[in-house]
Amino acid sequence: MKNNPVVPYILILAFGIGLIFFMSLTGAENKKEIAAEKEGGGEKTEATDDSALVQSCISCHGADLSGAFGPNLHGLDEAHIVDVLTNGIPNTPMEPGMKNEAEAKAIAKYISTLK
């Protein structure tokens, strides 16, 4: 009796559909948490390490914040950094309200020390 050559493909397809289903359930749960955080009801975490403060900046401004997709942040004054983080810059990925006032001040304090 010969094995059916289609069976492995059917098993892989079934496994893939199951995996996608379970991943979507996890994503739906995370979506609720993200929505709660955006509304202000989420858990606030305070960064104690300077490098943790700027993790969201690295993707555009480079690992050392000297510029990549976004401009060089070295040498900027604290007031300007706080203003940008809280009020944003029109027509850029820097949207208003990216950080609250306390987070913006902590990030600005760290970035203003960079040379």
C-alpha atoms as a PDB file:
ATOM      1  CA  MET A   1       0.000   0.000   0.000  1.00  0.00           C
ATOM      2  CA  LYS A   2       1.465   3.366  -1.038  1.00  0.00           C
ATOM      3  CA  ASN A   3       1.521   6.478   1.133  1.00  0.00           C
ATOM      4  CA  ASN A   4      -0.419   9.403  -0.202  1.00  0.00           C
ATOM      5  CA  PRO A   5       2.098  12.184  -1.155  1.00  0.00           C
ATOM      6  CA  VAL A   6      -0.438  14.912  -0.343  1.00  0.00           C
ATOM      7  CA  VAL A   7      -0.731  14.054   3.378  1.00  0.00           C
ATOM      8  CA  PRO A   8       2.437  15.920   4.511  1.00  0.00           C
ATOM      9  CA  TYR A   9       1.248  19.059   2.721  1.00  0.00           C
ATOM     10  CA  ILE A  10      -2.156  18.825   4.353  1.00  0.00           C
ATOM     11  CA  LEU A  11      -0.546  18.418   7.775  1.00  0.00           C
ATOM     12  CA  ILE A  12       1.712  21.439   7.208  1.00  0.00           C
ATOM     13  CA  LEU A  13      -1.287  23.484   6.059  1.00  0.00           C
ATOM     14  CA  ALA A  14      -3.316  22.461   9.123  1.00  0.00           C
ATOM     15  CA  PHE A  15      -0.399  23.301  11.424  1.00  0.00           C
ATOM     16  CA  GLY A  16       0.042  26.702   9.741  1.00  0.00           C
ATOM     17  CA  ILE A  17      -3.627  27.572  10.054  1.00  0.00           C
ATOM     18  CA  GLY A  18      -3.578  26.552  13.721  1.00  0.00           C
ATOM     19  CA  LEU A  19      -0.476  28.635  14.358  1.00  0.00           C
ATOM     20  CA  ILE A  20      -2.005  31.696  12.710  1.00  0.00           C
ATOM     21  CA  PHE A  21      -5.188  31.216  14.755  1.00  0.00           C
ATOM     22  CA  PHE A  22      -3.333  31.083  18.079  1.00  0.00           C
ATOM     23  CA  MET A  23      -1.093  34.021  17.132  1.00  0.00           C
ATOM     24  CA  SER A  24      -4.164  36.108  16.312  1.00  0.00           C
ATOM     25  CA  LEU A  25      -5.598  35.338  19.754  1.00  0.00           C
ATOM     26  CA  THR A  26      -2.386  36.563  21.354  1.00  0.00           C
ATOM     27  CA  GLY A  27      -2.409  39.675  19.161  1.00  0.00           C
ATOM     28  CA  ALA A  28      -6.000  40.442  20.132  1.00  0.00           C
ATOM     29  CA  GLU A  29      -5.042  40.266  23.804  1.00  0.00           C
ATOM     30  CA  ASN A  30      -2.042  42.569  23.234  1.00  0.00           C
ATOM     31  CA  LYS A  31      -4.250  44.993  21.310  1.00  0.00           C
ATOM     32  CA  LYS A  32      -6.407  45.458  24.399  1.00  0.00           C
ATOM     33  CA  GLU A  33      -3.338  46.194  26.525  1.00  0.00           C
ATOM     34  CA  ILE A  34      -1.972  48.686  23.988  1.00  0.00           C
ATOM     35  CA  ALA A  35      -5.327  50.471  23.802  1.00  0.00           C
ATOM     36  CA  ALA A  36      -5.440  50.712  27.594  1.00  0.00           C
ATOM     37  CA  GLU A  37      -1.944  52.220  27.669  1.00  0.00           C
ATOM     38  CA  LYS A  38      -2.827  54.800  25.006  1.00  0.00           C
ATOM     39  CA  GLU A  39      -5.875  55.828  27.043  1.00  0.00           C
ATOM     40  CA  GLY A  40      -3.672  56.323  30.085  1.00  0.00           C
ATOM     41  CA  GLY A  41      -4.913  53.291  31.978  1.00  0.00           C
ATOM     42  CA  GLY A  42      -1.902  51.153  31.234  1.00  0.00           C
ATOM     43  CA  GLU A  43       0.892  50.328  33.569  1.00  0.00           C
ATOM     44  CA  LYS A  44       3.584  53.016  33.607  1.00  0.00           C
ATOM     45  CA  THR A  45       7.157  51.917  33.873  1.00  0.00           C
ATOM     46  CA  GLU A  46       9.979  54.242  34.736  1.00  0.00           C
ATOM     47  CA  ALA A  47      13.308  53.776  33.057  1.00  0.00           C
ATOM     48  CA  THR A  48      16.202  53.767  35.476  1.00  0.00           C
ATOM     49  CA  ASP A  49      18.903  53.216  32.878  1.00  0.00           C
ATOM     50  CA  ASP A  50      19.797  56.002  30.426  1.00  0.00           C
ATOM     51  CA  SER A  51      20.004  53.559  27.535  1.00  0.00           C
ATOM     52  CA  ALA A  52      16.472  52.320  28.300  1.00  0.00           C
ATOM     53  CA  LEU A  53      15.195  55.896  28.055  1.00  0.00           C
ATOM     54  CA  VAL A  54      16.186  56.271  24.421  1.00  0.00           C
ATOM     55  CA  GLN A  55      15.269  52.814  23.059  1.00  0.00           C
ATOM     56  CA  SER A  56      12.403  54.272  21.026  1.00  0.00           C
ATOM     57  CA  CYS A  57      14.746  56.947  19.593  1.00  0.00           C
ATOM     58  CA  ILE A  58      17.364  54.514  18.276  1.00  0.00           C
ATOM     59  CA  SER A  59      15.336  53.214  15.345  1.00  0.00           C
ATOM     60  CA  CYS A  60      15.352  56.624  13.616  1.00  0.00           C
ATOM     61  CA  HIS A  61      18.305  58.452  15.169  1.00  0.00           C
ATOM     62  CA  GLY A  62      20.843  55.599  15.241  1.00  0.00           C
ATOM     63  CA  ALA A  63      22.394  53.605  18.078  1.00  0.00           C
ATOM     64  CA  ASP A  64      24.503  56.538  19.270  1.00  0.00           C
ATOM     65  CA  LEU A  65      21.792  59.115  18.380  1.00  0.00           C
ATOM     66  CA  SER A  66      24.152  60.802  15.917  1.00  0.00           C
ATOM     67  CA  GLY A  67      21.607  60.533  13.120  1.00  0.00           C
ATOM     68  CA  ALA A  68      20.286  57.981  10.666  1.00  0.00           C
ATOM     69  CA  PHE A  69      16.788  58.379   9.224  1.00  0.00           C
ATOM     70  CA  GLY A  70      16.251  61.137  11.801  1.00  0.00           C
ATOM     71  CA  PRO A  71      18.675  63.982  12.551  1.00  0.00           C
ATOM     72  CA  ASN A  72      21.636  64.045  14.920  1.00  0.00           C
ATOM     73  CA  LEU A  73      20.434  64.663  18.495  1.00  0.00           C
ATOM     74  CA  HIS A  74      23.820  65.569  19.955  1.00  0.00           C
ATOM     75  CA  GLY A  75      24.066  69.134  21.186  1.00  0.00           C
ATOM     76  CA  LEU A  76      20.326  69.867  21.350  1.00  0.00           C
ATOM     77  CA  ASP A  77      19.105  71.781  24.394  1.00  0.00           C
ATOM     78  CA  GLU A  78      16.720  70.199  26.882  1.00  0.00           C
ATOM     79  CA  ALA A  79      13.813  72.592  26.238  1.00  0.00           C
ATOM     80  CA  HIS A  80      13.766  71.805  22.506  1.00  0.00           C
ATOM     81  CA  ILE A  81      13.877  68.051  23.122  1.00  0.00           C
ATOM     82  CA  VAL A  82      11.024  68.213  25.662  1.00  0.00           C
ATOM     83  CA  ASP A  83       8.979  70.314  23.225  1.00  0.00           C
ATOM     84  CA  VAL A  84       9.470  67.841  20.364  1.00  0.00           C
ATOM     85  CA  LEU A  85       8.729  64.771  22.510  1.00  0.00           C
ATOM     86  CA  THR A  86       5.526  66.245  23.908  1.00  0.00           C
ATOM     87  CA  ASN A  87       4.245  68.320  20.955  1.00  0.00           C
ATOM     88  CA  GLY A  88       5.767  66.444  18.017  1.00  0.00           C
ATOM     89  CA  ILE A  89       6.879  67.745  14.620  1.00  0.00           C
ATOM     90  CA  PRO A  90       4.267  67.980  11.817  1.00  0.00           C
ATOM     91  CA  ASN A  91       4.662  65.631   8.819  1.00  0.00           C
ATOM     92  CA  THR A  92       7.251  63.443  10.573  1.00  0.00           C
ATOM     93  CA  PRO A  93       7.128  60.256  12.643  1.00  0.00           C
ATOM     94  CA  MET A  94       7.461  62.482  15.732  1.00  0.00           C
ATOM     95  CA  GLU A  95       3.791  62.555  16.703  1.00  0.00           C
ATOM     96  CA  PRO A  96       2.407  64.723  19.526  1.00  0.00           C
ATOM     97  CA  GLY A  97       2.258  62.973  22.879  1.00  0.00           C
ATOM     98  CA  MET A  98       4.978  60.398  22.209  1.00  0.00           C
ATOM     99  CA  LYS A  99       6.177  60.810  25.784  1.00  0.00           C
ATOM    100  CA  ASN A 100       4.653  62.337  28.884  1.00  0.00           C
ATOM    101  CA  GLU A 101       6.281  65.368  30.496  1.00  0.00           C
ATOM    102  CA  ALA A 102       8.338  63.379  33.043  1.00  0.00           C
ATOM    103  CA  GLU A 103       9.646  60.935  30.430  1.00  0.00           C
ATOM    104  CA  ALA A 104      10.441  63.775  28.028  1.00  0.00           C
ATOM    105  CA  LYS A 105      12.428  65.635  30.694  1.00  0.00           C
ATOM    106  CA  ALA A 106      14.423  62.516  31.621  1.00  0.00           C
ATOM    107  CA  ILE A 107      15.211  61.790  27.965  1.00  0.00           C
ATOM    108  CA  ALA A 108      16.101  65.444  27.307  1.00  0.00           C
ATOM    109  CA  LYS A 109      18.428  65.502  30.294  1.00  0.00           C
ATOM    110  CA  TYR A 110      20.275  62.426  28.976  1.00  0.00           C
ATOM    111  CA  ILE A 111      20.435  63.558  25.343  1.00  0.00           C
ATOM    112  CA  SER A 112      21.664  67.051  26.257  1.00  0.00           C
ATOM    113  CA  THR A 113      24.751  65.445  27.872  1.00  0.00           C
ATOM    114  CA  LEU A 114      25.775  63.767  24.607  1.00  0.00           C
ATOM    115  CA  LYS A 115      28.669  65.330  22.728  1.00  0.00           C
END
